[in-house]
Amino acid sequence: MEFVVSGLALDCCYVAIAKFSRWIGWEAPLTNIAVGHVAPGFTLKSLDGKEYSLGKLLEKGPVVVAFFKISCPVCQFTFPYLERLAQRYSGDSATVIAISQDDVRGTKEFNVNME
């Protein structure tokens, strides 16, 4: 099983960043994961210190990875729905994980407010 990236927004954001970086003479510092391609493996620690590996999670089934910023209004609107998806499908059939772009303290507060 593979983790495949889909969605127009991710592709459009990367294209804009890549074009701007080339225009000002920088190489794009981000890894490009184009629609339909397999995501690279990673391992991260959760807020409670537990390690999550994409490879291990994929052994159980599909994985939804949501990157967020706590100041993002779209994230604040979307995360209650992602939480419901996680509660409904997590466990045996799928995994939903969120990766914060913020510090631990702010992320913990955001997490508590979403419950």
PDB file of N, CA and C in Angstrom:
ATOM      1  N   MET A   1       0.847  -1.169   0.000  1.00  0.00           N
ATOM      2  CA  MET A   1       0.000   0.000   0.000  1.00  0.00           C
ATOM      3  C   MET A   1       0.892   1.231   0.000  1.00  0.00           C
ATOM      4  N   GLU A   2       0.460   2.285  -0.630  1.00  0.00           N
ATOM      5  CA  GLU A   2       1.234   3.507  -0.743  1.00  0.00           C
ATOM      6  C   GLU A   2       0.431   4.688  -0.240  1.00  0.00           C
ATOM      7  N   PHE A   3       1.123   5.709   0.235  1.00  0.00           N
ATOM      8  CA  PHE A   3       0.504   6.980   0.585  1.00  0.00           C
ATOM      9  C   PHE A   3       0.634   7.869  -0.632  1.00  0.00           C
ATOM     10  N   VAL A   4      -0.463   8.199  -1.257  1.00  0.00           N
ATOM     11  CA  VAL A   4      -0.445   8.965  -2.497  1.00  0.00           C
ATOM     12  C   VAL A   4      -1.026  10.344  -2.254  1.00  0.00           C
ATOM     13  N   VAL A   5      -0.330  11.352  -2.720  1.00  0.00           N
ATOM     14  CA  VAL A   5      -0.775  12.729  -2.560  1.00  0.00           C
ATOM     15  C   VAL A   5      -1.798  13.052  -3.626  1.00  0.00           C
ATOM     16  N   SER A   6      -2.883  13.668  -3.216  1.00  0.00           N
ATOM     17  CA  SER A   6      -3.862  14.127  -4.187  1.00  0.00           C
ATOM     18  C   SER A   6      -4.318  15.521  -3.801  1.00  0.00           C
ATOM     19  N   GLY A   7      -4.834  16.238  -4.735  1.00  0.00           N
ATOM     20  CA  GLY A   7      -5.391  17.551  -4.446  1.00  0.00           C
ATOM     21  C   GLY A   7      -4.722  18.645  -5.243  1.00  0.00           C
ATOM     22  N   LEU A   8      -5.520  19.509  -5.794  1.00  0.00           N
ATOM     23  CA  LEU A   8      -5.049  20.599  -6.621  1.00  0.00           C
ATOM     24  C   LEU A   8      -4.343  21.661  -5.794  1.00  0.00           C
ATOM     25  N   ALA A   9      -4.801  21.926  -4.573  1.00  0.00           N
ATOM     26  CA  ALA A   9      -4.236  23.008  -3.765  1.00  0.00           C
ATOM     27  C   ALA A   9      -2.760  22.783  -3.482  1.00  0.00           C
ATOM     28  N   LEU A  10      -2.381  21.564  -3.092  1.00  0.00           N
ATOM     29  CA  LEU A  10      -0.989  21.265  -2.791  1.00  0.00           C
ATOM     30  C   LEU A  10      -0.132  21.475  -4.031  1.00  0.00           C
ATOM     31  N   ASP A  11      -0.586  20.990  -5.154  1.00  0.00           N
ATOM     32  CA  ASP A  11       0.168  21.109  -6.398  1.00  0.00           C
ATOM     33  C   ASP A  11       0.322  22.573  -6.797  1.00  0.00           C
ATOM     34  N   CYS A  12      -0.747  23.351  -6.695  1.00  0.00           N
ATOM     35  CA  CYS A  12      -0.695  24.767  -7.063  1.00  0.00           C
ATOM     36  C   CYS A  12       0.236  25.550  -6.142  1.00  0.00           C
ATOM     37  N   CYS A  13       0.208  25.263  -4.836  1.00  0.00           N
ATOM     38  CA  CYS A  13       1.089  25.948  -3.891  1.00  0.00           C
ATOM     39  C   CYS A  13       2.542  25.667  -4.225  1.00  0.00           C
ATOM     40  N   TYR A  14       2.847  24.407  -4.494  1.00  0.00           N
ATOM     41  CA  TYR A  14       4.225  24.062  -4.809  1.00  0.00           C
ATOM     42  C   TYR A  14       4.671  24.767  -6.091  1.00  0.00           C
ATOM     43  N   VAL A  15       3.847  24.784  -7.095  1.00  0.00           N
ATOM     44  CA  VAL A  15       4.206  25.421  -8.362  1.00  0.00           C
ATOM     45  C   VAL A  15       4.500  26.900  -8.134  1.00  0.00           C
ATOM     46  N   ALA A  16       3.667  27.582  -7.360  1.00  0.00           N
ATOM     47  CA  ALA A  16       3.872  29.003  -7.089  1.00  0.00           C
ATOM     48  C   ALA A  16       5.181  29.234  -6.339  1.00  0.00           C
ATOM     49  N   ILE A  17       5.454  28.417  -5.329  1.00  0.00           N
ATOM     50  CA  ILE A  17       6.691  28.555  -4.557  1.00  0.00           C
ATOM     51  C   ILE A  17       7.904  28.280  -5.444  1.00  0.00           C
ATOM     52  N   ALA A  18       7.831  27.226  -6.248  1.00  0.00           N
ATOM     53  CA  ALA A  18       8.946  26.868  -7.126  1.00  0.00           C
ATOM     54  C   ALA A  18       9.232  27.976  -8.133  1.00  0.00           C
ATOM     55  N   LYS A  19       8.188  28.548  -8.739  1.00  0.00           N
ATOM     56  CA  LYS A  19       8.376  29.614  -9.717  1.00  0.00           C
ATOM     57  C   LYS A  19       8.986  30.857  -9.065  1.00  0.00           C
ATOM     58  N   PHE A  20       8.477  31.228  -7.894  1.00  0.00           N
ATOM     59  CA  PHE A  20       9.010  32.388  -7.191  1.00  0.00           C
ATOM     60  C   PHE A  20      10.468  32.155  -6.805  1.00  0.00           C
ATOM     61  N   SER A  21      10.789  30.971  -6.309  1.00  0.00           N
ATOM     62  CA  SER A  21      12.158  30.652  -5.916  1.00  0.00           C
ATOM     63  C   SER A  21      13.113  30.739  -7.102  1.00  0.00           C
ATOM     64  N   ARG A  22      12.695  30.211  -8.235  1.00  0.00           N
ATOM     65  CA  ARG A  22      13.536  30.293  -9.441  1.00  0.00           C
ATOM     66  C   ARG A  22      13.692  31.743  -9.897  1.00  0.00           C
ATOM     67  N   TRP A  23      12.617  32.522  -9.794  1.00  0.00           N
ATOM     68  CA  TRP A  23      12.627  33.912 -10.237  1.00  0.00           C
ATOM     69  C   TRP A  23      13.642  34.740  -9.447  1.00  0.00           C
ATOM     70  N   ILE A  24      13.731  34.489  -8.126  1.00  0.00           N
ATOM     71  CA  ILE A  24      14.679  35.258  -7.307  1.00  0.00           C
ATOM     72  C   ILE A  24      16.034  34.561  -7.164  1.00  0.00           C
ATOM     73  N   GLY A  25      16.208  33.429  -7.857  1.00  0.00           N
ATOM     74  CA  GLY A  25      17.502  32.764  -7.860  1.00  0.00           C
ATOM     75  C   GLY A  25      17.708  31.748  -6.759  1.00  0.00           C
ATOM     76  N   TRP A  26      16.666  31.389  -6.036  1.00  0.00           N
ATOM     77  CA  TRP A  26      16.776  30.370  -4.996  1.00  0.00           C
ATOM     78  C   TRP A  26      16.310  29.041  -5.549  1.00  0.00           C
ATOM     79  N   GLU A  27      16.867  28.010  -5.015  1.00  0.00           N
ATOM     80  CA  GLU A  27      16.330  26.678  -5.295  1.00  0.00           C
ATOM     81  C   GLU A  27      15.212  26.434  -4.287  1.00  0.00           C
ATOM     82  N   ALA A  28      14.155  25.789  -4.705  1.00  0.00           N
ATOM     83  CA  ALA A  28      13.036  25.508  -3.810  1.00  0.00           C
ATOM     84  C   ALA A  28      13.503  24.570  -2.693  1.00  0.00           C
ATOM     85  N   PRO A  29      13.344  24.966  -1.398  1.00  0.00           N
ATOM     86  CA  PRO A  29      13.810  24.137  -0.291  1.00  0.00           C
ATOM     87  C   PRO A  29      12.841  23.008   0.061  1.00  0.00           C
ATOM     88  N   LEU A  30      11.708  22.974  -0.577  1.00  0.00           N
ATOM     89  CA  LEU A  30      10.682  21.990  -0.245  1.00  0.00           C
ATOM     90  C   LEU A  30      10.785  20.770  -1.149  1.00  0.00           C
ATOM     91  N   THR A  31      10.382  19.636  -0.614  1.00  0.00           N
ATOM     92  CA  THR A  31      10.303  18.431  -1.424  1.00  0.00           C
ATOM     93  C   THR A  31       9.017  18.486  -2.223  1.00  0.00           C
ATOM     94  N   ASN A  32       9.096  18.259  -3.502  1.00  0.00           N
ATOM     95  CA  ASN A  32       7.910  18.269  -4.347  1.00  0.00           C
ATOM     96  C   ASN A  32       7.279  16.888  -4.333  1.00  0.00           C
ATOM     97  N   ILE A  33       6.050  16.826  -3.876  1.00  0.00           N
ATOM     98  CA  ILE A  33       5.288  15.584  -3.935  1.00  0.00           C
ATOM     99  C   ILE A  33       4.128  15.862  -4.875  1.00  0.00           C
ATOM    100  N   ALA A  34       4.308  15.511  -6.105  1.00  0.00           N
ATOM    101  CA  ALA A  34       3.292  15.779  -7.117  1.00  0.00           C
ATOM    102  C   ALA A  34       2.109  14.832  -6.951  1.00  0.00           C
ATOM    103  N   VAL A  35       0.971  15.276  -7.419  1.00  0.00           N
ATOM    104  CA  VAL A  35      -0.246  14.472  -7.368  1.00  0.00           C
ATOM    105  C   VAL A  35       0.011  13.111  -7.998  1.00  0.00           C
ATOM    106  N   GLY A  36      -0.380  12.050  -7.289  1.00  0.00           N
ATOM    107  CA  GLY A  36      -0.228  10.688  -7.787  1.00  0.00           C
ATOM    108  C   GLY A  36       1.088  10.033  -7.429  1.00  0.00           C
ATOM    109  N   HIS A  37       2.036  10.778  -6.860  1.00  0.00           N
ATOM    110  CA  HIS A  37       3.325  10.202  -6.483  1.00  0.00           C
ATOM    111  C   HIS A  37       3.314   9.747  -5.030  1.00  0.00           C
ATOM    112  N   VAL A  38       4.203   8.841  -4.710  1.00  0.00           N
ATOM    113  CA  VAL A  38       4.296   8.293  -3.359  1.00  0.00           C
ATOM    114  C   VAL A  38       5.059   9.268  -2.463  1.00  0.00           C
ATOM    115  N   ALA A  39       4.542   9.501  -1.270  1.00  0.00           N
ATOM    116  CA  ALA A  39       5.196  10.385  -0.306  1.00  0.00           C
ATOM    117  C   ALA A  39       6.428   9.697   0.272  1.00  0.00           C
ATOM    118  N   PRO A  40       7.464  10.465   0.615  1.00  0.00           N
ATOM    119  CA  PRO A  40       8.643   9.869   1.246  1.00  0.00           C
ATOM    120  C   PRO A  40       8.313   9.431   2.669  1.00  0.00           C
ATOM    121  N   GLY A  41       9.019   8.433   3.144  1.00  0.00           N
ATOM    122  CA  GLY A  41       8.807   7.960   4.511  1.00  0.00           C
ATOM    123  C   GLY A  41       9.256   8.991   5.526  1.00  0.00           C
ATOM    124  N   PHE A  42       8.652   8.971   6.703  1.00  0.00           N
ATOM    125  CA  PHE A  42       9.049   9.858   7.788  1.00  0.00           C
ATOM    126  C   PHE A  42       8.660   9.236   9.119  1.00  0.00           C
ATOM    127  N   THR A  43       9.309   9.705  10.172  1.00  0.00           N
ATOM    128  CA  THR A  43       8.974   9.325  11.539  1.00  0.00           C
ATOM    129  C   THR A  43       8.934  10.606  12.358  1.00  0.00           C
ATOM    130  N   LEU A  44       7.861  10.785  13.123  1.00  0.00           N
ATOM    131  CA  LEU A  44       7.692  11.971  13.963  1.00  0.00           C
ATOM    132  C   LEU A  44       7.220  11.568  15.346  1.00  0.00           C
ATOM    133  N   LYS A  45       7.469  12.435  16.334  1.00  0.00           N
ATOM    134  CA  LYS A  45       6.970  12.204  17.689  1.00  0.00           C
ATOM    135  C   LYS A  45       5.708  13.034  17.901  1.00  0.00           C
ATOM    136  N   SER A  46       4.743  12.437  18.608  1.00  0.00           N
ATOM    137  CA  SER A  46       3.503  13.147  18.931  1.00  0.00           C
ATOM    138  C   SER A  46       3.722  14.028  20.160  1.00  0.00           C
ATOM    139  N   LEU A  47       2.691  14.768  20.533  1.00  0.00           N
ATOM    140  CA  LEU A  47       2.777  15.642  21.701  1.00  0.00           C
ATOM    141  C   LEU A  47       3.063  14.865  22.981  1.00  0.00           C
ATOM    142  N   ASP A  48       2.630  13.601  23.030  1.00  0.00           N
ATOM    143  CA  ASP A  48       2.885  12.792  24.220  1.00  0.00           C
ATOM    144  C   ASP A  48       4.157  11.945  24.105  1.00  0.00           C
ATOM    145  N   GLY A  49       4.966  12.192  23.059  1.00  0.00           N
ATOM    146  CA  GLY A  49       6.245  11.517  22.905  1.00  0.00           C
ATOM    147  C   GLY A  49       6.217  10.210  22.138  1.00  0.00           C
ATOM    148  N   LYS A  50       5.056   9.757  21.722  1.00  0.00           N
ATOM    149  CA  LYS A  50       4.945   8.517  20.963  1.00  0.00           C
ATOM    150  C   LYS A  50       5.434   8.743  19.537  1.00  0.00           C
ATOM    151  N   GLU A  51       6.193   7.776  18.996  1.00  0.00           N
ATOM    152  CA  GLU A  51       6.697   7.891  17.630  1.00  0.00           C
ATOM    153  C   GLU A  51       5.720   7.295  16.624  1.00  0.00           C
ATOM    154  N   TYR A  52       5.565   7.994  15.507  1.00  0.00           N
ATOM    155  CA  TYR A  52       4.730   7.522  14.403  1.00  0.00           C
ATOM    156  C   TYR A  52       5.579   7.479  13.143  1.00  0.00           C
ATOM    157  N   SER A  53       5.549   6.355  12.475  1.00  0.00           N
ATOM    158  CA  SER A  53       6.281   6.161  11.233  1.00  0.00           C
ATOM    159  C   SER A  53       5.274   5.939  10.115  1.00  0.00           C
ATOM    160  N   LEU A  54       5.446   6.645   9.005  1.00  0.00           N
ATOM    161  CA  LEU A  54       4.529   6.480   7.887  1.00  0.00           C
ATOM    162  C   LEU A  54       4.500   5.027   7.430  1.00  0.00           C
ATOM    163  N   GLY A  55       5.655   4.398   7.348  1.00  0.00           N
ATOM    164  CA  GLY A  55       5.717   2.999   6.917  1.00  0.00           C
ATOM    165  C   GLY A  55       4.898   2.078   7.805  1.00  0.00           C
ATOM    166  N   LYS A  56       5.023   2.239   9.119  1.00  0.00           N
ATOM    167  CA  LYS A  56       4.265   1.394  10.061  1.00  0.00           C
ATOM    168  C   LYS A  56       2.771   1.685   9.978  1.00  0.00           C
ATOM    169  N   LEU A  57       2.410   2.959   9.854  1.00  0.00           N
ATOM    170  CA  LEU A  57       0.992   3.312   9.761  1.00  0.00           C
ATOM    171  C   LEU A  57       0.368   2.731   8.501  1.00  0.00           C
ATOM    172  N   LEU A  58       1.107   2.736   7.399  1.00  0.00           N
ATOM    173  CA  LEU A  58       0.582   2.207   6.136  1.00  0.00           C
ATOM    174  C   LEU A  58       0.347   0.704   6.186  1.00  0.00           C
ATOM    175  N   GLU A  59       1.034   0.008   7.089  1.00  0.00           N
ATOM    176  CA  GLU A  59       0.802  -1.431   7.243  1.00  0.00           C
ATOM    177  C   GLU A  59      -0.626  -1.709   7.702  1.00  0.00           C
ATOM    178  N   LYS A  60      -1.229  -0.758   8.429  1.00  0.00           N
ATOM    179  CA  LYS A  60      -2.602  -0.913   8.918  1.00  0.00           C
ATOM    180  C   LYS A  60      -3.641  -0.513   7.883  1.00  0.00           C
ATOM    181  N   GLY A  61      -3.275   0.360   6.936  1.00  0.00           N
ATOM    182  CA  GLY A  61      -4.232   0.833   5.946  1.00  0.00           C
ATOM    183  C   GLY A  61      -3.907   2.239   5.505  1.00  0.00           C
ATOM    184  N   PRO A  62      -4.856   2.905   4.837  1.00  0.00           N
ATOM    185  CA  PRO A  62      -4.624   4.263   4.330  1.00  0.00           C
ATOM    186  C   PRO A  62      -4.310   5.248   5.455  1.00  0.00           C
ATOM    187  N   VAL A  63      -3.517   6.267   5.117  1.00  0.00           N
ATOM    188  CA  VAL A  63      -3.129   7.296   6.077  1.00  0.00           C
ATOM    189  C   VAL A  63      -3.488   8.664   5.506  1.00  0.00           C
ATOM    190  N   VAL A  64      -4.184   9.466   6.309  1.00  0.00           N
ATOM    191  CA  VAL A  64      -4.470  10.860   5.955  1.00  0.00           C
ATOM    192  C   VAL A  64      -3.559  11.712   6.830  1.00  0.00           C
ATOM    193  N   VAL A  65      -2.716  12.518   6.196  1.00  0.00           N
ATOM    194  CA  VAL A  65      -1.814  13.414   6.922  1.00  0.00           C
ATOM    195  C   VAL A  65      -2.255  14.838   6.637  1.00  0.00           C
ATOM    196  N   ALA A  66      -2.579  15.574   7.698  1.00  0.00           N
ATOM    197  CA  ALA A  66      -3.024  16.959   7.557  1.00  0.00           C
ATOM    198  C   ALA A  66      -2.003  17.879   8.217  1.00  0.00           C
ATOM    199  N   PHE A  67      -1.379  18.743   7.436  1.00  0.00           N
ATOM    200  CA  PHE A  67      -0.457  19.740   7.960  1.00  0.00           C
ATOM    201  C   PHE A  67      -1.278  20.989   8.290  1.00  0.00           C
ATOM    202  N   PHE A  68      -0.988  21.595   9.454  1.00  0.00           N
ATOM    203  CA  PHE A  68      -1.783  22.769   9.827  1.00  0.00           C
ATOM    204  C   PHE A  68      -0.960  23.811  10.571  1.00  0.00           C
ATOM    205  N   LYS A  69      -1.521  24.998  10.609  1.00  0.00           N
ATOM    206  CA  LYS A  69      -0.983  26.120  11.378  1.00  0.00           C
ATOM    207  C   LYS A  69      -2.135  26.612  12.247  1.00  0.00           C
ATOM    208  N   ILE A  70      -1.885  26.813  13.532  1.00  0.00           N
ATOM    209  CA  ILE A  70      -2.989  27.130  14.444  1.00  0.00           C
ATOM    210  C   ILE A  70      -3.648  28.471  14.143  1.00  0.00           C
ATOM    211  N   SER A  71      -2.933  29.387  13.504  1.00  0.00           N
ATOM    212  CA  SER A  71      -3.515  30.690  13.173  1.00  0.00           C
ATOM    213  C   SER A  71      -4.330  30.662  11.879  1.00  0.00           C
ATOM    214  N   CYS A  72      -4.363  29.532  11.209  1.00  0.00           N
ATOM    215  CA  CYS A  72      -5.059  29.411   9.926  1.00  0.00           C
ATOM    216  C   CYS A  72      -6.561  29.209  10.142  1.00  0.00           C
ATOM    217  N   PRO A  73      -7.403  30.134   9.661  1.00  0.00           N
ATOM    218  CA  PRO A  73      -8.843  29.978   9.853  1.00  0.00           C
ATOM    219  C   PRO A  73      -9.415  28.745   9.140  1.00  0.00           C
ATOM    220  N   VAL A  74      -8.846  28.387   8.013  1.00  0.00           N
ATOM    221  CA  VAL A  74      -9.314  27.185   7.306  1.00  0.00           C
ATOM    222  C   VAL A  74      -9.021  25.943   8.145  1.00  0.00           C
ATOM    223  N   CYS A  75      -7.853  25.908   8.785  1.00  0.00           N
ATOM    224  CA  CYS A  75      -7.512  24.781   9.662  1.00  0.00           C
ATOM    225  C   CYS A  75      -8.478  24.710  10.842  1.00  0.00           C
ATOM    226  N   GLN A  76      -8.779  25.850  11.441  1.00  0.00           N
ATOM    227  CA  GLN A  76      -9.699  25.891  12.577  1.00  0.00           C
ATOM    228  C   GLN A  76     -11.082  25.389  12.173  1.00  0.00           C
ATOM    229  N   PHE A  77     -11.488  25.673  10.962  1.00  0.00           N
ATOM    230  CA  PHE A  77     -12.785  25.221  10.458  1.00  0.00           C
ATOM    231  C   PHE A  77     -12.759  23.736  10.105  1.00  0.00           C
ATOM    232  N   THR A  78     -11.646  23.279   9.544  1.00  0.00           N
ATOM    233  CA  THR A  78     -11.545  21.923   9.012  1.00  0.00           C
ATOM    234  C   THR A  78     -11.281  20.867  10.074  1.00  0.00           C
ATOM    235  N   PHE A  79     -10.531  21.197  11.102  1.00  0.00           N
ATOM    236  CA  PHE A  79     -10.095  20.165  12.037  1.00  0.00           C
ATOM    237  C   PHE A  79     -11.203  19.452  12.808  1.00  0.00           C
ATOM    238  N   PRO A  80     -12.313  20.089  13.155  1.00  0.00           N
ATOM    239  CA  PRO A  80     -13.392  19.302  13.760  1.00  0.00           C
ATOM    240  C   PRO A  80     -13.894  18.188  12.831  1.00  0.00           C
ATOM    241  N   TYR A  81     -13.920  18.436  11.536  1.00  0.00           N
ATOM    242  CA  TYR A  81     -14.324  17.403  10.567  1.00  0.00           C
ATOM    243  C   TYR A  81     -13.283  16.294  10.477  1.00  0.00           C
ATOM    244  N   LEU A  82     -11.999  16.696  10.476  1.00  0.00           N
ATOM    245  CA  LEU A  82     -10.945  15.680  10.469  1.00  0.00           C
ATOM    246  C   LEU A  82     -10.983  14.830  11.733  1.00  0.00           C
ATOM    247  N   GLU A  83     -11.313  15.455  12.846  1.00  0.00           N
ATOM    248  CA  GLU A  83     -11.445  14.710  14.103  1.00  0.00           C
ATOM    249  C   GLU A  83     -12.561  13.664  14.000  1.00  0.00           C
ATOM    250  N   ARG A  84     -13.674  14.050  13.401  1.00  0.00           N
ATOM    251  CA  ARG A  84     -14.770  13.092  13.206  1.00  0.00           C
ATOM    252  C   ARG A  84     -14.353  11.954  12.281  1.00  0.00           C
ATOM    253  N   LEU A  85     -13.624  12.275  11.222  1.00  0.00           N
ATOM    254  CA  LEU A  85     -13.113  11.229  10.334  1.00  0.00           C
ATOM    255  C   LEU A  85     -12.187  10.288  11.091  1.00  0.00           C
ATOM    256  N   ALA A  86     -11.329  10.859  11.918  1.00  0.00           N
ATOM    257  CA  ALA A  86     -10.401  10.038  12.701  1.00  0.00           C
ATOM    258  C   ALA A  86     -11.158   9.111  13.648  1.00  0.00           C
ATOM    259  N   GLN A  87     -12.176   9.643  14.316  1.00  0.00           N
ATOM    260  CA  GLN A  87     -12.955   8.821  15.245  1.00  0.00           C
ATOM    261  C   GLN A  87     -13.706   7.717  14.512  1.00  0.00           C
ATOM    262  N   ARG A  88     -14.199   8.022  13.333  1.00  0.00           N
ATOM    263  CA  ARG A  88     -14.997   7.052  12.571  1.00  0.00           C
ATOM    264  C   ARG A  88     -14.146   5.967  11.921  1.00  0.00           C
ATOM    265  N   TYR A  89     -13.004   6.357  11.326  1.00  0.00           N
ATOM    266  CA  TYR A  89     -12.244   5.418  10.512  1.00  0.00           C
ATOM    267  C   TYR A  89     -10.922   4.958  11.124  1.00  0.00           C
ATOM    268  N   SER A  90     -10.425   5.640  12.139  1.00  0.00           N
ATOM    269  CA  SER A  90      -9.157   5.228  12.731  1.00  0.00           C
ATOM    270  C   SER A  90      -9.301   3.897  13.443  1.00  0.00           C
ATOM    271  N   GLY A  91      -8.178   3.288  13.661  1.00  0.00           N
ATOM    272  CA  GLY A  91      -8.180   1.987  14.308  1.00  0.00           C
ATOM    273  C   GLY A  91      -7.752   0.933  13.334  1.00  0.00           C
ATOM    274  N   ASP A  92      -8.707   0.116  12.902  1.00  0.00           N
ATOM    275  CA  ASP A  92      -8.376  -1.000  12.030  1.00  0.00           C
ATOM    276  C   ASP A  92      -8.230  -0.616  10.566  1.00  0.00           C
ATOM    277  N   SER A  93      -9.005   0.367  10.096  1.00  0.00           N
ATOM    278  CA  SER A  93      -9.068   0.585   8.655  1.00  0.00           C
ATOM    279  C   SER A  93      -8.254   1.760   8.130  1.00  0.00           C
ATOM    280  N   ALA A  94      -7.983   2.784   8.937  1.00  0.00           N
ATOM    281  CA  ALA A  94      -7.274   3.962   8.447  1.00  0.00           C
ATOM    282  C   ALA A  94      -6.677   4.739   9.615  1.00  0.00           C
ATOM    283  N   THR A  95      -5.779   5.663   9.292  1.00  0.00           N
ATOM    284  CA  THR A  95      -5.155   6.517  10.298  1.00  0.00           C
ATOM    285  C   THR A  95      -5.236   7.953   9.821  1.00  0.00           C
ATOM    286  N   VAL A  96      -5.602   8.853  10.733  1.00  0.00           N
ATOM    287  CA  VAL A  96      -5.607  10.286  10.454  1.00  0.00           C
ATOM    288  C   VAL A  96      -4.641  10.916  11.445  1.00  0.00           C
ATOM    289  N   ILE A  97      -3.616  11.604  10.930  1.00  0.00           N
ATOM    290  CA  ILE A  97      -2.682  12.304  11.803  1.00  0.00           C
ATOM    291  C   ILE A  97      -2.562  13.755  11.344  1.00  0.00           C
ATOM    292  N   ALA A  98      -2.289  14.629  12.309  1.00  0.00           N
ATOM    293  CA  ALA A  98      -2.119  16.047  12.025  1.00  0.00           C
ATOM    294  C   ALA A  98      -0.704  16.456  12.402  1.00  0.00           C
ATOM    295  N   ILE A  99      -0.075  17.240  11.549  1.00  0.00           N
ATOM    296  CA  ILE A  99       1.285  17.701  11.795  1.00  0.00           C
ATOM    297  C   ILE A  99       1.254  19.223  11.887  1.00  0.00           C
ATOM    298  N   SER A 100       1.609  19.725  13.058  1.00  0.00           N
ATOM    299  CA  SER A 100       1.562  21.156  13.322  1.00  0.00           C
ATOM    300  C   SER A 100       2.829  21.855  12.837  1.00  0.00           C
ATOM    301  N   GLN A 101       2.654  23.081  12.398  1.00  0.00           N
ATOM    302  CA  GLN A 101       3.777  23.933  12.011  1.00  0.00           C
ATOM    303  C   GLN A 101       4.132  24.899  13.141  1.00  0.00           C
ATOM    304  N   ASP A 102       3.501  24.713  14.297  1.00  0.00           N
ATOM    305  CA  ASP A 102       3.687  25.616  15.428  1.00  0.00           C
ATOM    306  C   ASP A 102       4.465  24.948  16.557  1.00  0.00           C
ATOM    307  N   ASP A 103       4.758  25.728  17.605  1.00  0.00           N
ATOM    308  CA  ASP A 103       5.485  25.180  18.745  1.00  0.00           C
ATOM    309  C   ASP A 103       4.582  24.254  19.568  1.00  0.00           C
ATOM    310  N   VAL A 104       5.201  23.524  20.481  1.00  0.00           N
ATOM    311  CA  VAL A 104       4.480  22.515  21.262  1.00  0.00           C
ATOM    312  C   VAL A 104       3.373  23.143  22.102  1.00  0.00           C
ATOM    313  N   ARG A 105       3.686  24.254  22.796  1.00  0.00           N
ATOM    314  CA  ARG A 105       2.687  24.881  23.672  1.00  0.00           C
ATOM    315  C   ARG A 105       1.450  25.309  22.890  1.00  0.00           C
ATOM    316  N   GLY A 106       1.645  26.008  21.780  1.00  0.00           N
ATOM    317  CA  GLY A 106       0.523  26.455  20.961  1.00  0.00           C
ATOM    318  C   GLY A 106      -0.255  25.294  20.376  1.00  0.00           C
ATOM    319  N   THR A 107       0.452  24.267  19.975  1.00  0.00           N
ATOM    320  CA  THR A 107      -0.206  23.087  19.403  1.00  0.00           C
ATOM    321  C   THR A 107      -1.052  22.373  20.444  1.00  0.00           C
ATOM    322  N   LYS A 108      -0.538  22.257  21.664  1.00  0.00           N
ATOM    323  CA  LYS A 108      -1.320  21.627  22.740  1.00  0.00           C
ATOM    324  C   LYS A 108      -2.591  22.429  23.022  1.00  0.00           C
ATOM    325  N   GLU A 109      -2.483  23.749  23.050  1.00  0.00           N
ATOM    326  CA  GLU A 109      -3.663  24.596  23.276  1.00  0.00           C
ATOM    327  C   GLU A 109      -4.674  24.425  22.152  1.00  0.00           C
ATOM    328  N   PHE A 110      -4.206  24.398  20.933  1.00  0.00           N
ATOM    329  CA  PHE A 110      -5.088  24.200  19.768  1.00  0.00           C
ATOM    330  C   PHE A 110      -5.786  22.848  19.876  1.00  0.00           C
ATOM    331  N   ASN A 111      -5.035  21.826  20.260  1.00  0.00           N
ATOM    332  CA  ASN A 111      -5.575  20.486  20.396  1.00  0.00           C
ATOM    333  C   ASN A 111      -6.671  20.437  21.451  1.00  0.00           C
ATOM    334  N   VAL A 112      -6.465  21.088  22.586  1.00  0.00           N
ATOM    335  CA  VAL A 112      -7.461  21.116  23.650  1.00  0.00           C
ATOM    336  C   VAL A 112      -8.719  21.863  23.185  1.00  0.00           C
ATOM    337  N   ASN A 113      -8.537  22.966  22.482  1.00  0.00           N
ATOM    338  CA  ASN A 113      -9.678  23.744  22.000  1.00  0.00           C
ATOM    339  C   ASN A 113     -10.492  23.020  20.949  1.00  0.00           C
ATOM    340  N   MET A 114      -9.902  22.073  20.242  1.00  0.00           N
ATOM    341  CA  MET A 114     -10.615  21.322  19.214  1.00  0.00           C
ATOM    342  C   MET A 114     -11.423  20.167  19.807  1.00  0.00           C
ATOM    343  N   GLU A 115     -11.150  19.805  21.061  1.00  0.00           N
ATOM    344  CA  GLU A 115     -11.872  18.669  21.671  1.00  0.00           C
ATOM    345  C   GLU A 115     -13.266  19.050  22.100  1.00  0.00           C
TER     346      GLU A 115
END
